[in-house]
């Protein structure tokens, strides 16, 4: 990537083409068109979250593979923004999401997530020999592009659906080893499903019931376009998906 430090245009204006390009890229990858014959809901329900399990049966100790679909059910566009790691891109970015599991014995619990380990900061070798101001600008641009790639900003037209990126879970130091080798542990994988980064696999035989829940806690926002001045999206609250059944077998 070539970064032009000589440009004198305002920072926001210089970065806008990159933001627009990222939005277009994310939309092409993660947004599905409205189904044929779609009609907006007449109720106040603005979005529908659908949880889809890849496997109806899983062996003891196996992983839960799933896909989330979030559809705009209303008559107006809505805008989804994640300013940090987006759940729809990264399998571990569950800050505003949680999965609730009902065990074969009837007890319900939250599925625990492996948040990963800190791999340590890497030296930015390209800044060696740079003047202080040039070095500062270079680091700022690196951080900007990194944050832009990790976040998400898409507008869903009525009936359009936002889907999760296929992803495989690499735990603990395996993740850091991949980073050191220059590999991307969060890269898209073939298929349509992602692996839940859980710390409690299916240990007992029987039927498990799982649902996903989105609660606006911090960064993730959902609003009509343009966003209202009174921040009505704060009132969205908690949205639950359907419940899926997974049978654990020997």
C-alpha atoms as a PDB file:
ATOM      1  CA  UNK A   1       0.000   0.000   0.000  1.00  0.00           C
ATOM      2  CA  UNK A   2       1.375   3.442  -0.963  1.00  0.00           C
ATOM      3  CA  UNK A   3       0.489   6.233   1.443  1.00  0.00           C
ATOM      4  CA  UNK A   4       0.809   9.791   0.187  1.00  0.00           C
ATOM      5  CA  UNK A   5       1.962  12.101   2.966  1.00  0.00           C
ATOM      6  CA  UNK A   6       2.327  15.115   0.687  1.00  0.00           C
ATOM      7  CA  UNK A   7      -1.377  15.657   0.203  1.00  0.00           C
ATOM      8  CA  UNK A   8      -2.631  18.844   1.803  1.00  0.00           C
ATOM      9  CA  UNK A   9      -6.321  18.055   1.532  1.00  0.00           C
ATOM     10  CA  UNK A  10      -8.225  17.655   4.833  1.00  0.00           C
ATOM     11  CA  UNK A  11      -7.701  14.304   6.525  1.00  0.00           C
ATOM     12  CA  UNK A  12     -11.372  13.303   6.339  1.00  0.00           C
ATOM     13  CA  UNK A  13     -11.495  14.121   2.639  1.00  0.00           C
ATOM     14  CA  UNK A  14      -8.325  12.185   1.901  1.00  0.00           C
ATOM     15  CA  UNK A  15      -9.669   9.128   3.704  1.00  0.00           C
ATOM     16  CA  UNK A  16     -13.187   9.204   2.310  1.00  0.00           C
ATOM     17  CA  UNK A  17     -12.379   7.205  -0.883  1.00  0.00           C
ATOM     18  CA  UNK A  18     -10.918   4.417   1.266  1.00  0.00           C
ATOM     19  CA  UNK A  19     -14.050   4.384   3.434  1.00  0.00           C
ATOM     20  CA  UNK A  20     -16.324   4.262   0.393  1.00  0.00           C
ATOM     21  CA  UNK A  21     -14.269   1.466  -1.158  1.00  0.00           C
ATOM     22  CA  UNK A  22     -14.410  -0.578   2.056  1.00  0.00           C
ATOM     23  CA  UNK A  23     -18.176  -0.100   2.347  1.00  0.00           C
ATOM     24  CA  UNK A  24     -18.624  -1.285  -1.242  1.00  0.00           C
ATOM     25  CA  UNK A  25     -16.376  -4.298  -0.640  1.00  0.00           C
ATOM     26  CA  UNK A  26     -18.185  -5.279   2.564  1.00  0.00           C
ATOM     27  CA  UNK A  27     -21.576  -4.849   0.960  1.00  0.00           C
ATOM     28  CA  UNK A  28     -20.639  -7.073  -1.972  1.00  0.00           C
ATOM     29  CA  UNK A  29     -19.424  -9.789   0.382  1.00  0.00           C
ATOM     30  CA  UNK A  30     -21.879  -9.677   3.283  1.00  0.00           C
ATOM     31  CA  UNK A  31     -25.213  -8.307   2.011  1.00  0.00           C
ATOM     32  CA  UNK A  32     -27.838 -10.386   0.211  1.00  0.00           C
ATOM     33  CA  UNK A  33     -30.625  -8.921  -1.908  1.00  0.00           C
ATOM     34  CA  UNK A  34     -34.234  -8.906  -0.756  1.00  0.00           C
ATOM     35  CA  UNK A  35     -36.037 -12.148  -1.619  1.00  0.00           C
ATOM     36  CA  UNK A  36     -38.542 -12.091  -4.448  1.00  0.00           C
ATOM     37  CA  UNK A  37     -41.931 -10.867  -3.298  1.00  0.00           C
ATOM     38  CA  UNK A  38     -40.637  -9.348  -0.065  1.00  0.00           C
ATOM     39  CA  UNK A  39     -43.131  -7.085   1.682  1.00  0.00           C
ATOM     40  CA  UNK A  40     -42.102  -4.877   4.620  1.00  0.00           C
ATOM     41  CA  UNK A  41     -43.544  -5.813   7.979  1.00  0.00           C
ATOM     42  CA  UNK A  42     -46.475  -3.715   9.161  1.00  0.00           C
ATOM     43  CA  UNK A  43     -45.446  -4.205  12.767  1.00  0.00           C
ATOM     44  CA  UNK A  44     -42.761  -2.191  14.535  1.00  0.00           C
ATOM     45  CA  UNK A  45     -40.322  -5.081  14.166  1.00  0.00           C
ATOM     46  CA  UNK A  46     -37.424  -3.614  12.217  1.00  0.00           C
ATOM     47  CA  UNK A  47     -35.041  -6.554  11.997  1.00  0.00           C
ATOM     48  CA  UNK A  48     -35.184 -10.321  12.061  1.00  0.00           C
ATOM     49  CA  UNK A  49     -32.237 -12.397  13.258  1.00  0.00           C
ATOM     50  CA  UNK A  50     -32.036 -15.955  11.969  1.00  0.00           C
ATOM     51  CA  UNK A  51     -29.642 -18.544  13.397  1.00  0.00           C
ATOM     52  CA  UNK A  52     -28.818 -21.472  11.103  1.00  0.00           C
ATOM     53  CA  UNK A  53     -26.906 -24.520  12.343  1.00  0.00           C
ATOM     54  CA  UNK A  54     -24.720 -26.346   9.853  1.00  0.00           C
ATOM     55  CA  UNK A  55     -25.189 -29.724  11.527  1.00  0.00           C
ATOM     56  CA  UNK A  56     -28.321 -31.201  13.067  1.00  0.00           C
ATOM     57  CA  UNK A  57     -26.113 -33.804  14.770  1.00  0.00           C
ATOM     58  CA  UNK A  58     -22.681 -33.297  16.358  1.00  0.00           C
ATOM     59  CA  UNK A  59     -20.363 -35.816  17.970  1.00  0.00           C
ATOM     60  CA  UNK A  60     -19.421 -35.484  21.633  1.00  0.00           C
ATOM     61  CA  UNK A  61     -16.753 -32.789  21.967  1.00  0.00           C
ATOM     62  CA  UNK A  62     -17.534 -31.383  18.539  1.00  0.00           C
ATOM     63  CA  UNK A  63     -17.884 -27.748  17.519  1.00  0.00           C
ATOM     64  CA  UNK A  64     -20.966 -25.675  16.796  1.00  0.00           C
ATOM     65  CA  UNK A  65     -20.918 -24.338  13.233  1.00  0.00           C
ATOM     66  CA  UNK A  66     -23.485 -21.682  12.413  1.00  0.00           C
ATOM     67  CA  UNK A  67     -24.530 -18.719  10.307  1.00  0.00           C
ATOM     68  CA  UNK A  68     -26.361 -15.558  11.373  1.00  0.00           C
ATOM     69  CA  UNK A  69     -28.623 -13.627   9.031  1.00  0.00           C
ATOM     70  CA  UNK A  70     -29.943 -10.185   9.959  1.00  0.00           C
ATOM     71  CA  UNK A  71     -32.736  -8.933   7.693  1.00  0.00           C
ATOM     72  CA  UNK A  72     -34.243  -5.462   7.450  1.00  0.00           C
ATOM     73  CA  UNK A  73     -37.966  -6.167   7.856  1.00  0.00           C
ATOM     74  CA  UNK A  74     -39.107  -2.546   7.791  1.00  0.00           C
ATOM     75  CA  UNK A  75     -40.049  -0.120   5.012  1.00  0.00           C
ATOM     76  CA  UNK A  76     -37.024   2.153   5.549  1.00  0.00           C
ATOM     77  CA  UNK A  77     -33.263   1.611   5.121  1.00  0.00           C
ATOM     78  CA  UNK A  78     -31.298   0.856   8.274  1.00  0.00           C
ATOM     79  CA  UNK A  79     -27.604   1.364   8.871  1.00  0.00           C
ATOM     80  CA  UNK A  80     -25.446  -1.122  10.746  1.00  0.00           C
ATOM     81  CA  UNK A  81     -22.139   0.128  12.114  1.00  0.00           C
ATOM     82  CA  UNK A  82     -19.398  -1.588  14.084  1.00  0.00           C
ATOM     83  CA  UNK A  83     -16.531   0.815  14.718  1.00  0.00           C
ATOM     84  CA  UNK A  84     -14.297  -1.867  16.174  1.00  0.00           C
ATOM     85  CA  UNK A  85     -14.099  -5.560  15.312  1.00  0.00           C
ATOM     86  CA  UNK A  86     -17.350  -6.463  13.612  1.00  0.00           C
ATOM     87  CA  UNK A  87     -19.130  -9.644  14.623  1.00  0.00           C
ATOM     88  CA  UNK A  88     -20.162 -10.181  11.023  1.00  0.00           C
ATOM     89  CA  UNK A  89     -16.496 -10.306   9.980  1.00  0.00           C
ATOM     90  CA  UNK A  90     -14.761 -11.837  12.994  1.00  0.00           C
ATOM     91  CA  UNK A  91     -15.927 -14.913  14.895  1.00  0.00           C
ATOM     92  CA  UNK A  92     -14.569 -13.729  18.254  1.00  0.00           C
ATOM     93  CA  UNK A  93     -16.063 -10.230  18.104  1.00  0.00           C
ATOM     94  CA  UNK A  94     -19.072 -10.997  20.273  1.00  0.00           C
ATOM     95  CA  UNK A  95     -19.132  -7.801  22.357  1.00  0.00           C
ATOM     96  CA  UNK A  96     -22.833  -7.155  21.677  1.00  0.00           C
ATOM     97  CA  UNK A  97     -23.745 -10.745  20.910  1.00  0.00           C
ATOM     98  CA  UNK A  98     -24.159 -13.824  23.049  1.00  0.00           C
ATOM     99  CA  UNK A  99     -25.328 -17.378  22.493  1.00  0.00           C
ATOM    100  CA  UNK A 100     -27.635 -19.051  24.991  1.00  0.00           C
ATOM    101  CA  UNK A 101     -27.767 -22.810  25.261  1.00  0.00           C
ATOM    102  CA  UNK A 102     -30.359 -25.067  26.881  1.00  0.00           C
ATOM    103  CA  UNK A 103     -28.669 -28.300  27.939  1.00  0.00           C
ATOM    104  CA  UNK A 104     -30.176 -31.795  27.734  1.00  0.00           C
ATOM    105  CA  UNK A 105     -30.973 -31.537  31.472  1.00  0.00           C
ATOM    106  CA  UNK A 106     -33.090 -28.431  30.879  1.00  0.00           C
ATOM    107  CA  UNK A 107     -30.670 -25.905  32.367  1.00  0.00           C
ATOM    108  CA  UNK A 108     -29.889 -22.780  30.352  1.00  0.00           C
ATOM    109  CA  UNK A 109     -26.518 -21.053  30.251  1.00  0.00           C
ATOM    110  CA  UNK A 110     -24.529 -18.622  28.170  1.00  0.00           C
ATOM    111  CA  UNK A 111     -22.011 -20.216  25.835  1.00  0.00           C
ATOM    112  CA  UNK A 112     -18.557 -19.090  26.944  1.00  0.00           C
ATOM    113  CA  UNK A 113     -16.279 -17.559  24.355  1.00  0.00           C
ATOM    114  CA  UNK A 114     -12.521 -17.864  23.984  1.00  0.00           C
ATOM    115  CA  UNK A 115     -11.470 -14.229  23.706  1.00  0.00           C
ATOM    116  CA  UNK A 116      -7.993 -15.247  22.617  1.00  0.00           C
ATOM    117  CA  UNK A 117      -4.562 -14.276  23.903  1.00  0.00           C
ATOM    118  CA  UNK A 118      -2.499 -11.160  23.379  1.00  0.00           C
ATOM    119  CA  UNK A 119       0.101 -11.951  20.744  1.00  0.00           C
ATOM    120  CA  UNK A 120       2.261  -8.945  21.510  1.00  0.00           C
ATOM    121  CA  UNK A 121       2.929  -5.874  19.431  1.00  0.00           C
ATOM    122  CA  UNK A 122       4.996  -6.141  16.297  1.00  0.00           C
ATOM    123  CA  UNK A 123       7.603  -3.598  15.296  1.00  0.00           C
ATOM    124  CA  UNK A 124       6.630  -1.434  12.350  1.00  0.00           C
ATOM    125  CA  UNK A 125       9.947  -1.646  10.527  1.00  0.00           C
ATOM    126  CA  UNK A 126       8.935   0.728   7.756  1.00  0.00           C
ATOM    127  CA  UNK A 127       9.233   3.719  10.126  1.00  0.00           C
ATOM    128  CA  UNK A 128      12.962   3.257  10.686  1.00  0.00           C
ATOM    129  CA  UNK A 129      14.811   6.361   9.583  1.00  0.00           C
ATOM    130  CA  UNK A 130      11.630   8.415   9.114  1.00  0.00           C
ATOM    131  CA  UNK A 131      11.331  11.922  10.488  1.00  0.00           C
ATOM    132  CA  UNK A 132       9.116  12.199  13.569  1.00  0.00           C
ATOM    133  CA  UNK A 133       6.138  13.781  11.777  1.00  0.00           C
ATOM    134  CA  UNK A 134       6.308  11.378   8.837  1.00  0.00           C
ATOM    135  CA  UNK A 135       6.503   8.455  11.264  1.00  0.00           C
ATOM    136  CA  UNK A 136       3.448   9.698  13.146  1.00  0.00           C
ATOM    137  CA  UNK A 137       1.434  10.053   9.949  1.00  0.00           C
ATOM    138  CA  UNK A 138       2.497   6.630   8.742  1.00  0.00           C
ATOM    139  CA  UNK A 139       1.397   4.959  11.984  1.00  0.00           C
ATOM    140  CA  UNK A 140      -1.906   6.863  11.939  1.00  0.00           C
ATOM    141  CA  UNK A 141      -2.625   5.675   8.422  1.00  0.00           C
ATOM    142  CA  UNK A 142      -1.792   2.085   9.304  1.00  0.00           C
ATOM    143  CA  UNK A 143      -4.182   2.256  12.257  1.00  0.00           C
ATOM    144  CA  UNK A 144      -6.875   3.878  10.120  1.00  0.00           C
ATOM    145  CA  UNK A 145      -6.756   1.182   7.444  1.00  0.00           C
ATOM    146  CA  UNK A 146      -6.609  -1.599  10.024  1.00  0.00           C
ATOM    147  CA  UNK A 147      -9.654  -0.246  11.868  1.00  0.00           C
ATOM    148  CA  UNK A 148     -11.494   0.314   8.590  1.00  0.00           C
ATOM    149  CA  UNK A 149     -10.931  -3.278   7.518  1.00  0.00           C
ATOM    150  CA  UNK A 150     -11.990  -4.711  10.876  1.00  0.00           C
ATOM    151  CA  UNK A 151     -15.107  -2.563  11.292  1.00  0.00           C
ATOM    152  CA  UNK A 152     -18.333  -2.503   9.322  1.00  0.00           C
ATOM    153  CA  UNK A 153     -20.621   0.206   7.941  1.00  0.00           C
ATOM    154  CA  UNK A 154     -23.440  -1.001   5.694  1.00  0.00           C
ATOM    155  CA  UNK A 155     -26.918   0.250   4.878  1.00  0.00           C
ATOM    156  CA  UNK A 156     -29.593  -2.389   4.396  1.00  0.00           C
ATOM    157  CA  UNK A 157     -32.464  -1.587   2.089  1.00  0.00           C
ATOM    158  CA  UNK A 158     -35.878  -3.105   2.954  1.00  0.00           C
ATOM    159  CA  UNK A 159     -35.654  -6.877   2.684  1.00  0.00           C
ATOM    160  CA  UNK A 160     -31.864  -7.018   2.410  1.00  0.00           C
ATOM    161  CA  UNK A 161     -29.937  -9.367   4.672  1.00  0.00           C
ATOM    162  CA  UNK A 162     -26.565  -9.042   6.398  1.00  0.00           C
ATOM    163  CA  UNK A 163     -24.777 -12.391   6.847  1.00  0.00           C
ATOM    164  CA  UNK A 164     -21.797 -13.523   8.898  1.00  0.00           C
ATOM    165  CA  UNK A 165     -18.497 -14.245   7.166  1.00  0.00           C
ATOM    166  CA  UNK A 166     -17.407 -17.919   7.167  1.00  0.00           C
ATOM    167  CA  UNK A 167     -14.649 -18.337   9.748  1.00  0.00           C
ATOM    168  CA  UNK A 168     -12.634 -21.019  11.526  1.00  0.00           C
ATOM    169  CA  UNK A 169     -11.659 -20.884  15.188  1.00  0.00           C
ATOM    170  CA  UNK A 170      -7.967 -21.057  16.083  1.00  0.00           C
ATOM    171  CA  UNK A 171      -7.424 -21.108  19.814  1.00  0.00           C
ATOM    172  CA  UNK A 172      -4.722 -19.795  22.087  1.00  0.00           C
ATOM    173  CA  UNK A 173      -1.182 -19.773  20.835  1.00  0.00           C
ATOM    174  CA  UNK A 174      -2.103 -21.355  17.508  1.00  0.00           C
ATOM    175  CA  UNK A 175      -3.591 -17.968  16.607  1.00  0.00           C
ATOM    176  CA  UNK A 176      -0.353 -16.150  17.504  1.00  0.00           C
ATOM    177  CA  UNK A 177       1.768 -18.670  15.628  1.00  0.00           C
ATOM    178  CA  UNK A 178      -0.249 -17.987  12.486  1.00  0.00           C
ATOM    179  CA  UNK A 179       0.219 -14.248  12.917  1.00  0.00           C
ATOM    180  CA  UNK A 180       3.979 -14.700  13.274  1.00  0.00           C
ATOM    181  CA  UNK A 181       4.039 -16.713  10.061  1.00  0.00           C
ATOM    182  CA  UNK A 182       2.263 -13.891   8.273  1.00  0.00           C
ATOM    183  CA  UNK A 183      -1.005 -15.834   7.979  1.00  0.00           C
ATOM    184  CA  UNK A 184      -4.411 -14.298   8.689  1.00  0.00           C
ATOM    185  CA  UNK A 185      -6.316 -16.349  11.315  1.00  0.00           C
ATOM    186  CA  UNK A 186      -9.458 -14.334  10.559  1.00  0.00           C
ATOM    187  CA  UNK A 187      -9.404 -14.951   6.818  1.00  0.00           C
ATOM    188  CA  UNK A 188     -12.580 -16.080   5.112  1.00  0.00           C
ATOM    189  CA  UNK A 189     -12.863 -19.837   4.624  1.00  0.00           C
ATOM    190  CA  UNK A 190     -14.845 -21.756   1.978  1.00  0.00           C
ATOM    191  CA  UNK A 191     -18.520 -22.397   2.625  1.00  0.00           C
ATOM    192  CA  UNK A 192     -21.228 -20.431   4.415  1.00  0.00           C
ATOM    193  CA  UNK A 193     -20.691 -21.255   8.092  1.00  0.00           C
ATOM    194  CA  UNK A 194     -18.397 -20.259  10.944  1.00  0.00           C
ATOM    195  CA  UNK A 195     -17.162 -22.100  14.002  1.00  0.00           C
ATOM    196  CA  UNK A 196     -18.221 -20.898  17.440  1.00  0.00           C
ATOM    197  CA  UNK A 197     -15.090 -20.094  19.509  1.00  0.00           C
ATOM    198  CA  UNK A 198     -16.396 -21.899  22.566  1.00  0.00           C
ATOM    199  CA  UNK A 199     -14.691 -23.031  25.739  1.00  0.00           C
ATOM    200  CA  UNK A 200     -17.396 -25.571  26.575  1.00  0.00           C
ATOM    201  CA  UNK A 201     -17.913 -28.071  23.733  1.00  0.00           C
ATOM    202  CA  UNK A 202     -20.816 -30.491  23.558  1.00  0.00           C
ATOM    203  CA  UNK A 203     -19.887 -32.865  26.377  1.00  0.00           C
ATOM    204  CA  UNK A 204     -23.099 -34.787  27.042  1.00  0.00           C
ATOM    205  CA  UNK A 205     -25.373 -36.829  24.833  1.00  0.00           C
ATOM    206  CA  UNK A 206     -28.797 -35.449  24.055  1.00  0.00           C
ATOM    207  CA  UNK A 207     -30.525 -32.452  22.515  1.00  0.00           C
ATOM    208  CA  UNK A 208     -29.151 -28.929  22.903  1.00  0.00           C
ATOM    209  CA  UNK A 209     -31.177 -25.838  22.005  1.00  0.00           C
ATOM    210  CA  UNK A 210     -29.273 -22.696  21.025  1.00  0.00           C
ATOM    211  CA  UNK A 211     -30.251 -19.138  20.154  1.00  0.00           C
ATOM    212  CA  UNK A 212     -28.317 -15.946  19.449  1.00  0.00           C
ATOM    213  CA  UNK A 213     -29.105 -12.674  21.201  1.00  0.00           C
ATOM    214  CA  UNK A 214     -28.047  -9.175  20.191  1.00  0.00           C
ATOM    215  CA  UNK A 215     -28.053  -6.479  22.854  1.00  0.00           C
ATOM    216  CA  UNK A 216     -26.897  -2.966  22.186  1.00  0.00           C
ATOM    217  CA  UNK A 217     -24.192  -2.448  24.792  1.00  0.00           C
ATOM    218  CA  UNK A 218     -21.584  -0.179  23.288  1.00  0.00           C
ATOM    219  CA  UNK A 219     -20.404   0.195  19.705  1.00  0.00           C
ATOM    220  CA  UNK A 220     -22.845  -1.680  17.495  1.00  0.00           C
ATOM    221  CA  UNK A 221     -25.710   0.569  16.417  1.00  0.00           C
ATOM    222  CA  UNK A 222     -28.827   0.086  14.396  1.00  0.00           C
ATOM    223  CA  UNK A 223     -30.695   3.080  13.081  1.00  0.00           C
ATOM    224  CA  UNK A 224     -32.815   4.365  10.217  1.00  0.00           C
ATOM    225  CA  UNK A 225     -31.001   6.358   7.580  1.00  0.00           C
ATOM    226  CA  UNK A 226     -30.197   9.126   8.295  1.00  0.00           C
ATOM    227  CA  UNK A 227     -29.817   8.606  12.064  1.00  0.00           C
ATOM    228  CA  UNK A 228     -32.319  10.659  14.083  1.00  0.00           C
ATOM    229  CA  UNK A 229     -31.127  13.398  16.385  1.00  0.00           C
ATOM    230  CA  UNK A 230     -32.812  11.838  19.399  1.00  0.00           C
ATOM    231  CA  UNK A 231     -30.922   8.542  18.945  1.00  0.00           C
ATOM    232  CA  UNK A 232     -34.007   6.353  18.753  1.00  0.00           C
ATOM    233  CA  UNK A 233     -31.729   3.388  18.045  1.00  0.00           C
ATOM    234  CA  UNK A 234     -30.850   3.350  21.748  1.00  0.00           C
ATOM    235  CA  UNK A 235     -34.330   1.930  22.347  1.00  0.00           C
ATOM    236  CA  UNK A 236     -33.872  -1.137  20.160  1.00  0.00           C
ATOM    237  CA  UNK A 237     -32.887  -3.181  23.211  1.00  0.00           C
ATOM    238  CA  UNK A 238     -32.486  -6.933  22.952  1.00  0.00           C
ATOM    239  CA  UNK A 239     -33.264  -8.967  19.841  1.00  0.00           C
ATOM    240  CA  UNK A 240     -33.346 -12.772  19.885  1.00  0.00           C
ATOM    241  CA  UNK A 241     -32.959 -15.190  17.020  1.00  0.00           C
ATOM    242  CA  UNK A 242     -34.916 -18.349  16.475  1.00  0.00           C
ATOM    243  CA  UNK A 243     -33.832 -21.432  18.408  1.00  0.00           C
ATOM    244  CA  UNK A 244     -31.966 -24.296  16.730  1.00  0.00           C
ATOM    245  CA  UNK A 245     -31.770 -27.885  17.928  1.00  0.00           C
ATOM    246  CA  UNK A 246     -28.497 -29.814  17.859  1.00  0.00           C
ATOM    247  CA  UNK A 247     -28.361 -33.464  18.881  1.00  0.00           C
ATOM    248  CA  UNK A 248     -25.098 -34.689  20.387  1.00  0.00           C
ATOM    249  CA  UNK A 249     -24.307 -38.298  19.538  1.00  0.00           C
ATOM    250  CA  UNK A 250     -21.444 -40.707  20.419  1.00  0.00           C
END
